[in-house]
Amino acid sequence: MFVLLTAALFWIFPCGILATDGDDFANNLFTDLGPLLTLFGERVAIQYLSHSTSWLECVLFACAPLGILTAVVSAIRVSGSRWLKAVIGRAREPAAMVELELMSSTSSDVCELWNGVGMVRVVGSPSIAQLIYQDPSSSAQPENSVSNESADRRVYVDTLKTAQERNLVRLISGPGIRNSTKHADVSELPPNIVLNVTGGTVRGWELILALIVGLLAQSAVLIYDGWLVYWPNTILDVTPASNAYPLTAMGTVGVAVGTFLCAHIIEASTEEEVWDASLTTKQSLQIVWIQRGRVVGDQAFGSFAIFDPRFRRQIRTSRKASETTKVKQFTTLCATVLTVGSNALFHRLRSMHWSASIAQLLATGLMMTVRALVYRRISMMPKVQSL
């Protein structure tokens, strides 16, 4: 993306760059790539934010972030006050559109369906059932289960609700652990197909490794900026203003903190629950979704049986969380911090040596690649059988 963008700028403005002045070259190209990256990073940022399910993923998003403006707008769309939504032109936006684009949850208004090519999120009420059965090739079933004549051909089919009632699954993560009434109606809402097929999207050790890389990359940029200002450097002939580094560092920290808070607002707008096969059974679980053909919105969907490609021991659900006035006030604060920080950073980078802008650009490109690798399972496809 960066190579193509740079080549396009060279082609469009071939006479606007003087090879004899590196500072002018950077101020007119690399430093100004920040706002362009914010624009071009919109879809990448929305995809990342909509799949984030933990605060650690929000920290990763804040390391050399891509899509700063998108983070502010998305946080306002999710939990902003009405006047803030009016500022960004979203005062009358339906809640279903926000959930569709920015959340991992499903509800009576938003569902996930197979369109014959891939999984899509659409606005509407689906006709789809989630069934759970246990791997018949694994260990023995619970003693109170009903089986057929041969033990090696046993197949047990449940919904999530009946599996919970029969103690085949237990809640190991989510708000329902603290309040058992919160997951009482879980089986009545559309299932989270993508969340289960991807297995939660991110592996723990991969996320930790990516966080280490991100923190090191952003720290390296700050250290390099300080070296340019406070250490004599005859090679690069650096003469930045004395206040350039403090303001650049403050802007960088402000952007990181504001981006993290905006991402956390979006992540906290949903409540995820993880159900694990109980200790009374040794089998893994297979999930199948039976989709009935119908028209949802303006799209026609066929009838399919959708299978998780692997047996698992966990089932995941995601639902919208309740919204409070404190969250709206917090969103205003986060948007202010991020806006001020990003403006300070982009303006003060002009007073730094041109290589400081390139260092930040390289860190952003590196973290964009790291986040793409960590979230590579987003593209996983289920097994599908037409009915």
Protein backbone atom coordinates (compact mmCIF):
# COMPACT_ATOMS: atom_id res chain seq x y z
CA MET A 1 0.00 0.00 0.00
CA PHE A 2 2.77 2.43 1.01
CA VAL A 3 4.88 1.71 -2.09
CA LEU A 4 1.93 2.22 -4.44
CA LEU A 5 0.88 5.42 -2.67
CA THR A 6 4.41 6.85 -2.84
CA ALA A 7 4.74 5.92 -6.52
CA ALA A 8 1.41 7.60 -7.29
CA LEU A 9 2.52 10.82 -5.60
CA PHE A 10 5.77 10.82 -7.57
CA TRP A 11 3.81 10.36 -10.80
CA ILE A 12 1.26 13.07 -10.06
CA PHE A 13 3.76 15.66 -8.80
CA PRO A 14 7.00 14.97 -10.71
CA CYS A 15 8.19 18.59 -10.58
CA GLY A 16 7.22 19.40 -7.01
CA ILE A 17 10.18 17.64 -5.32
CA LEU A 18 13.67 19.10 -5.08
CA ALA A 19 16.37 16.48 -4.61
CA THR A 20 18.69 19.10 -3.11
CA ASP A 21 16.58 19.71 -0.03
CA GLY A 22 15.74 16.66 2.08
CA ASP A 23 13.72 18.63 4.63
CA ASP A 24 11.41 20.14 1.99
CA PHE A 25 11.06 16.72 0.40
CA ALA A 26 9.87 15.20 3.69
CA ASN A 27 7.62 18.09 4.67
CA ASN A 28 5.80 17.86 1.35
CA LEU A 29 5.61 14.07 1.11
CA PHE A 30 6.31 11.82 4.07
CA THR A 31 5.05 14.16 6.81
CA ASP A 32 1.80 14.70 4.92
CA LEU A 33 1.29 10.95 4.56
CA GLY A 34 -0.14 10.90 8.10
CA PRO A 35 -3.54 12.34 7.14
CA LEU A 36 -3.56 10.21 3.98
CA LEU A 37 -2.91 7.07 6.01
CA THR A 38 -5.74 8.07 8.31
CA LEU A 39 -8.03 8.23 5.28
CA PHE A 40 -6.85 5.05 3.58
CA GLY A 41 -6.86 3.13 6.85
CA GLU A 42 -10.62 3.43 7.35
CA ARG A 43 -11.67 -0.07 6.27
CA VAL A 44 -8.65 -1.70 7.91
CA ALA A 45 -9.40 0.05 11.21
CA ILE A 46 -13.12 -0.82 11.11
CA GLN A 47 -12.35 -4.49 10.44
CA TYR A 48 -9.93 -4.60 13.37
CA LEU A 49 -12.20 -2.73 15.78
CA SER A 50 -15.24 -4.87 14.94
CA HIS A 51 -13.34 -8.08 15.79
CA SER A 52 -11.64 -6.89 19.00
CA THR A 53 -12.85 -8.74 22.08
CA SER A 54 -10.27 -7.83 24.76
CA TRP A 55 -8.45 -4.78 26.09
CA LEU A 56 -5.10 -6.23 24.96
CA GLU A 57 -6.29 -6.04 21.37
CA CYS A 58 -7.11 -2.37 22.00
CA VAL A 59 -3.52 -1.81 23.19
CA LEU A 60 -2.24 -3.46 20.00
CA PHE A 61 -4.43 -1.15 17.91
CA ALA A 62 -2.92 1.87 19.71
CA CYS A 63 0.70 0.92 18.84
CA ALA A 64 1.61 3.03 15.78
CA PRO A 65 -2.11 3.20 14.92
CA LEU A 66 -3.61 3.26 11.46
CA GLY A 67 -7.00 4.93 11.08
CA ILE A 68 -6.92 7.52 13.86
CA LEU A 69 -9.84 9.55 12.55
CA THR A 70 -11.81 6.33 12.05
CA ALA A 71 -11.26 5.40 15.71
CA VAL A 72 -12.70 8.73 16.88
CA VAL A 73 -15.70 8.58 14.56
CA SER A 74 -16.38 4.93 15.41
CA ALA A 75 -16.30 5.55 19.17
CA ILE A 76 -18.75 8.43 18.75
CA ARG A 77 -21.04 6.29 16.59
CA VAL A 78 -21.08 3.55 19.23
CA SER A 79 -21.38 5.50 22.49
CA GLY A 80 -21.24 9.21 21.74
CA SER A 81 -23.79 11.78 22.84
CA ARG A 82 -26.35 13.00 20.34
CA TRP A 83 -24.62 16.33 19.77
CA LEU A 84 -21.32 14.58 19.00
CA LYS A 85 -23.11 12.32 16.53
CA ALA A 86 -24.56 15.43 14.92
CA VAL A 87 -21.05 16.88 14.56
CA ILE A 88 -19.90 13.86 12.52
CA GLY A 89 -23.16 13.69 10.54
CA ARG A 90 -24.58 10.60 12.29
CA ALA A 91 -27.36 12.12 14.40
CA ARG A 92 -30.09 9.95 12.86
CA GLU A 93 -28.08 6.80 12.20
CA PRO A 94 -29.96 3.60 13.14
CA ALA A 95 -28.44 1.55 15.95
CA ALA A 96 -28.55 -1.52 13.69
CA MET A 97 -26.11 0.08 11.23
CA VAL A 98 -23.63 0.78 14.04
CA GLU A 99 -23.85 -2.80 15.28
CA LEU A 100 -23.54 -4.11 11.73
CA GLU A 101 -20.31 -2.26 10.96
CA LEU A 102 -18.51 -1.86 14.28
CA MET A 103 -19.51 -4.69 16.63
CA SER A 104 -18.99 -8.44 16.79
CA SER A 105 -22.44 -9.02 18.30
CA THR A 106 -25.66 -10.32 16.79
CA SER A 107 -29.17 -9.32 17.84
CA SER A 108 -32.77 -9.25 16.68
CA ASP A 109 -31.70 -6.58 14.16
CA VAL A 110 -28.32 -7.90 12.95
CA CYS A 111 -27.40 -11.43 11.91
CA GLU A 112 -24.71 -13.45 10.11
CA LEU A 113 -25.67 -15.52 7.07
CA TRP A 114 -24.04 -17.52 4.28
CA ASN A 115 -24.73 -15.93 0.88
CA GLY A 116 -23.28 -18.75 -1.22
CA VAL A 117 -19.79 -17.23 -1.32
CA GLY A 118 -18.96 -16.22 2.24
CA MET A 119 -20.30 -15.13 5.62
CA VAL A 120 -21.90 -11.68 5.61
CA ARG A 121 -23.46 -9.49 8.29
CA VAL A 122 -26.85 -8.08 7.33
CA VAL A 123 -29.59 -6.05 8.95
CA GLY A 124 -32.65 -8.19 9.54
CA SER A 125 -34.05 -11.15 11.44
CA PRO A 126 -32.80 -14.51 10.16
CA SER A 127 -34.24 -17.99 10.32
CA ILE A 128 -31.22 -19.94 11.52
CA ALA A 129 -30.76 -22.56 14.25
CA GLN A 130 -27.56 -23.42 16.11
CA LEU A 131 -27.19 -27.09 17.03
CA ILE A 132 -24.44 -28.72 19.05
CA TYR A 133 -23.44 -32.36 18.98
CA GLN A 134 -20.56 -34.23 20.54
CA ASP A 135 -17.81 -36.09 18.76
CA PRO A 136 -18.92 -39.76 18.77
CA SER A 137 -15.35 -40.96 18.27
CA SER A 138 -14.11 -39.52 21.58
CA SER A 139 -14.59 -40.67 25.16
CA ALA A 140 -17.78 -41.81 26.89
CA GLN A 141 -20.80 -39.54 27.25
CA PRO A 142 -22.39 -38.44 30.51
CA GLU A 143 -24.27 -41.18 32.31
CA ASN A 144 -27.66 -39.43 32.07
CA SER A 145 -27.53 -39.13 28.27
CA VAL A 146 -29.83 -40.99 25.90
CA SER A 147 -28.08 -43.12 23.27
CA ASN A 148 -28.92 -45.54 20.49
CA GLU A 149 -28.13 -49.25 20.42
CA SER A 150 -24.40 -49.05 19.74
CA ALA A 151 -22.16 -46.94 21.94
CA ASP A 152 -19.73 -46.20 19.11
CA ARG A 153 -22.53 -44.58 17.05
CA ARG A 154 -23.88 -42.25 19.71
CA VAL A 155 -24.79 -38.77 18.55
CA TYR A 156 -26.12 -36.15 20.98
CA VAL A 157 -27.79 -33.03 19.59
CA ASP A 158 -28.58 -29.97 21.72
CA THR A 159 -29.11 -26.27 21.51
CA LEU A 160 -26.93 -24.09 23.71
CA LYS A 161 -29.81 -23.74 26.15
CA THR A 162 -30.47 -27.49 26.48
CA ALA A 163 -26.74 -28.21 26.64
CA GLN A 164 -26.55 -25.79 29.56
CA GLU A 165 -29.54 -27.41 31.27
CA ARG A 166 -27.99 -30.88 30.90
CA ASN A 167 -24.63 -29.61 32.22
CA LEU A 168 -22.86 -30.45 28.98
CA VAL A 169 -21.36 -26.95 28.80
CA ARG A 170 -20.38 -24.45 31.47
CA LEU A 171 -19.76 -20.72 31.32
CA ILE A 172 -16.06 -19.93 31.85
CA SER A 173 -15.87 -16.31 30.70
CA GLY A 174 -18.29 -13.40 30.43
CA PRO A 175 -20.67 -11.23 32.46
CA GLY A 176 -22.98 -14.20 33.03
CA ILE A 177 -20.52 -15.55 35.60
CA ARG A 178 -21.32 -12.60 37.87
CA ASN A 179 -25.00 -12.40 36.94
CA SER A 180 -26.66 -15.63 35.85
CA THR A 181 -29.70 -13.82 34.42
CA LYS A 182 -27.66 -12.15 31.70
CA HIS A 183 -27.37 -15.29 29.59
CA ALA A 184 -30.85 -16.67 30.21
CA ASP A 185 -32.09 -15.75 26.72
CA VAL A 186 -28.87 -16.51 24.83
CA SER A 187 -30.43 -19.24 22.68
CA GLU A 188 -33.19 -16.93 21.43
CA LEU A 189 -30.80 -14.58 19.62
CA PRO A 190 -29.06 -15.22 16.27
CA PRO A 191 -25.80 -17.19 16.69
CA ASN A 192 -22.30 -15.78 16.21
CA ILE A 193 -21.06 -17.92 13.34
CA VAL A 194 -17.87 -16.01 12.45
CA LEU A 195 -16.77 -15.74 16.07
CA ASN A 196 -17.02 -19.52 16.49
CA VAL A 197 -15.50 -20.47 13.13
CA THR A 198 -12.44 -18.31 13.79
CA GLY A 199 -12.16 -19.60 17.35
CA GLY A 200 -12.04 -16.12 18.87
CA THR A 201 -9.79 -14.73 16.12
CA VAL A 202 -6.60 -14.23 18.16
CA ARG A 203 -4.37 -16.72 19.95
CA GLY A 204 -3.02 -15.61 23.30
CA TRP A 205 0.69 -16.09 22.63
CA GLU A 206 0.43 -14.41 19.23
CA LEU A 207 -1.26 -11.39 20.79
CA ILE A 208 1.44 -11.07 23.46
CA LEU A 209 4.20 -11.34 20.84
CA ALA A 210 2.48 -8.72 18.67
CA LEU A 211 2.14 -6.39 21.68
CA ILE A 212 5.87 -6.69 22.39
CA VAL A 213 6.68 -5.84 18.77
CA GLY A 214 4.27 -2.90 18.83
CA LEU A 215 5.58 -1.42 22.07
CA LEU A 216 9.18 -1.81 20.89
CA ALA A 217 8.39 -0.19 17.52
CA GLN A 218 6.65 2.83 19.04
CA SER A 219 9.33 3.19 21.73
CA ALA A 220 12.06 3.01 19.08
CA VAL A 221 10.45 5.91 17.20
CA LEU A 222 10.37 8.06 20.37
CA ILE A 223 13.98 7.19 21.20
CA TYR A 224 15.09 8.03 17.67
CA ASP A 225 13.25 11.37 17.81
CA GLY A 226 14.99 12.19 21.09
CA TRP A 227 18.36 11.25 19.63
CA LEU A 228 17.77 13.64 16.73
CA VAL A 229 17.09 16.56 19.09
CA TYR A 230 19.34 16.09 22.12
CA TRP A 231 22.46 14.43 20.71
CA PRO A 232 24.83 16.33 18.35
CA ASN A 233 24.50 14.80 14.91
CA THR A 234 26.84 16.05 12.22
CA ILE A 235 25.88 13.28 9.79
CA LEU A 236 22.24 14.32 9.41
CA ASP A 237 22.90 18.02 10.11
CA VAL A 238 19.97 18.17 12.52
CA THR A 239 18.89 21.56 13.91
CA PRO A 240 15.32 21.08 15.20
CA ALA A 241 13.62 23.50 17.57
CA SER A 242 14.26 22.88 21.26
CA ASN A 243 10.57 22.26 21.94
CA ALA A 244 10.12 19.90 18.99
CA TYR A 245 10.71 16.65 20.86
CA PRO A 246 8.57 17.36 23.98
CA LEU A 247 5.57 18.28 21.83
CA THR A 248 6.16 15.36 19.46
CA ALA A 249 6.41 12.95 22.40
CA MET A 250 3.29 14.40 24.02
CA GLY A 251 1.44 14.12 20.72
CA THR A 252 2.55 10.50 20.25
CA VAL A 253 1.47 9.55 23.77
CA GLY A 254 -1.81 11.43 23.35
CA VAL A 255 -2.56 9.60 20.10
CA ALA A 256 -1.73 6.22 21.68
CA VAL A 257 -3.85 6.84 24.79
CA GLY A 258 -6.75 8.33 22.84
CA THR A 259 -6.71 5.54 20.27
CA PHE A 260 -6.67 2.89 23.00
CA LEU A 261 -9.60 4.51 24.82
CA CYS A 262 -11.66 4.84 21.64
CA ALA A 263 -10.95 1.20 20.74
CA HIS A 264 -11.86 0.14 24.29
CA ILE A 265 -15.20 1.98 24.07
CA ILE A 266 -16.05 -0.05 20.96
CA GLU A 267 -14.79 -3.31 22.48
CA ALA A 268 -16.78 -2.71 25.69
CA SER A 269 -19.98 -2.11 23.71
CA THR A 270 -20.37 -5.90 23.41
CA GLU A 271 -20.32 -8.67 25.99
CA GLU A 272 -18.65 -11.92 25.00
CA GLU A 273 -19.29 -15.24 26.70
CA VAL A 274 -17.28 -18.43 26.34
CA TRP A 275 -18.93 -21.79 27.03
CA ASP A 276 -16.66 -24.79 27.54
CA ALA A 277 -17.48 -28.49 27.46
CA SER A 278 -18.06 -29.44 31.11
CA LEU A 279 -15.76 -31.66 33.12
CA THR A 280 -18.37 -34.46 33.06
CA THR A 281 -17.74 -35.06 29.37
CA LYS A 282 -14.48 -35.62 27.54
CA GLN A 283 -15.81 -35.04 24.04
CA SER A 284 -15.13 -32.10 21.79
CA LEU A 285 -18.11 -30.20 20.40
CA GLN A 286 -19.21 -29.76 16.81
CA ILE A 287 -21.44 -26.83 15.92
CA VAL A 288 -23.79 -26.82 12.94
CA TRP A 289 -25.98 -23.93 11.86
CA ILE A 290 -29.10 -24.69 9.83
CA GLN A 291 -29.94 -21.69 7.66
CA ARG A 292 -33.38 -21.47 6.12
CA GLY A 293 -33.66 -19.77 2.75
CA ARG A 294 -35.34 -16.39 2.84
CA VAL A 295 -35.01 -12.75 1.84
CA VAL A 296 -33.34 -10.54 4.46
CA GLY A 297 -33.40 -6.86 3.63
CA ASP A 298 -32.93 -6.75 -0.14
CA GLN A 299 -30.79 -9.90 -0.34
CA ALA A 300 -31.92 -13.45 -1.06
CA PHE A 301 -30.23 -16.23 0.93
CA GLY A 302 -30.50 -19.94 0.20
CA SER A 303 -30.84 -22.89 2.58
CA PHE A 304 -27.54 -24.24 3.89
CA ALA A 305 -26.08 -26.39 6.63
CA ILE A 306 -23.01 -24.55 7.93
CA PHE A 307 -20.39 -26.52 9.86
CA ASP A 308 -17.48 -25.46 12.02
CA PRO A 309 -14.45 -26.94 10.20
CA ARG A 310 -13.06 -28.36 13.46
CA PHE A 311 -14.33 -29.99 16.63
CA ARG A 312 -13.93 -27.61 19.56
CA ARG A 313 -14.47 -27.58 23.28
CA GLN A 314 -15.69 -23.98 23.36
CA ILE A 315 -18.70 -22.03 22.08
CA ARG A 316 -18.64 -18.23 21.89
CA THR A 317 -21.43 -15.67 21.96
CA SER A 318 -21.40 -11.88 21.65
CA ARG A 319 -24.25 -9.54 22.61
CA LYS A 320 -24.68 -5.78 22.87
CA ALA A 321 -23.94 -4.31 26.29
CA SER A 322 -26.14 -1.78 28.02
CA GLU A 323 -25.25 1.88 27.46
CA THR A 324 -24.91 4.43 30.27
CA THR A 325 -24.57 8.20 30.55
CA LYS A 326 -21.05 7.83 31.99
CA VAL A 327 -19.95 6.04 28.83
CA LYS A 328 -21.23 8.94 26.70
CA GLN A 329 -19.27 11.43 28.80
CA PHE A 330 -16.18 9.23 28.63
CA THR A 331 -16.48 9.08 24.84
CA THR A 332 -16.39 12.88 24.66
CA LEU A 333 -13.19 12.92 26.72
CA CYS A 334 -11.55 10.23 24.59
CA ALA A 335 -12.43 11.98 21.34
CA THR A 336 -10.96 15.23 22.69
CA VAL A 337 -7.70 13.59 23.82
CA LEU A 338 -7.19 11.82 20.50
CA THR A 339 -8.03 14.87 18.40
CA VAL A 340 -5.66 17.15 20.34
CA GLY A 341 -2.91 14.53 20.38
CA SER A 342 -3.09 13.82 16.66
CA ASN A 343 -3.04 17.51 15.77
CA ALA A 344 -0.04 18.12 18.03
CA LEU A 345 1.80 15.14 16.57
CA PHE A 346 1.25 15.97 12.91
CA HIS A 347 2.11 19.65 13.34
CA ARG A 348 5.23 19.15 15.45
CA LEU A 349 6.62 16.47 13.13
CA ARG A 350 7.23 19.31 10.68
CA SER A 351 9.75 20.87 13.08
CA MET A 352 11.63 17.58 13.40
CA HIS A 353 14.19 16.21 10.94
CA TRP A 354 12.58 14.60 7.89
CA SER A 355 13.79 11.15 8.99
CA ALA A 356 11.49 11.35 12.05
CA SER A 357 8.48 11.30 9.74
CA ILE A 358 9.90 8.30 7.88
CA ALA A 359 10.51 6.47 11.19
CA GLN A 360 6.87 6.94 12.21
CA LEU A 361 5.75 5.86 8.73
CA LEU A 362 7.82 2.67 8.93
CA ALA A 363 6.46 1.88 12.40
CA THR A 364 2.90 2.32 11.12
CA GLY A 365 3.58 0.02 8.17
CA LEU A 366 5.19 -2.59 10.43
CA MET A 367 2.25 -2.65 12.84
CA MET A 368 -0.26 -2.80 10.00
CA THR A 369 1.51 -5.98 8.84
CA VAL A 370 1.69 -7.42 12.38
CA ARG A 371 -2.03 -6.84 13.00
CA ALA A 372 -2.88 -8.44 9.66
CA LEU A 373 -0.85 -11.53 10.59
CA VAL A 374 -2.45 -11.78 14.03
CA TYR A 375 -5.95 -11.49 12.53
CA ARG A 376 -5.33 -13.78 9.55
CA ARG A 377 -8.01 -16.22 10.80
CA ILE A 378 -10.72 -13.66 10.00
CA SER A 379 -10.72 -15.10 6.48
CA MET A 380 -11.39 -18.68 7.65
CA MET A 381 -14.39 -20.24 5.94
CA PRO A 382 -16.84 -22.79 7.37
CA LYS A 383 -17.84 -26.01 5.67
CA VAL A 384 -21.14 -25.57 3.87
CA GLN A 385 -23.68 -28.01 2.45
CA SER A 386 -26.58 -26.82 0.34
CA LEU A 387 -30.01 -28.04 1.48
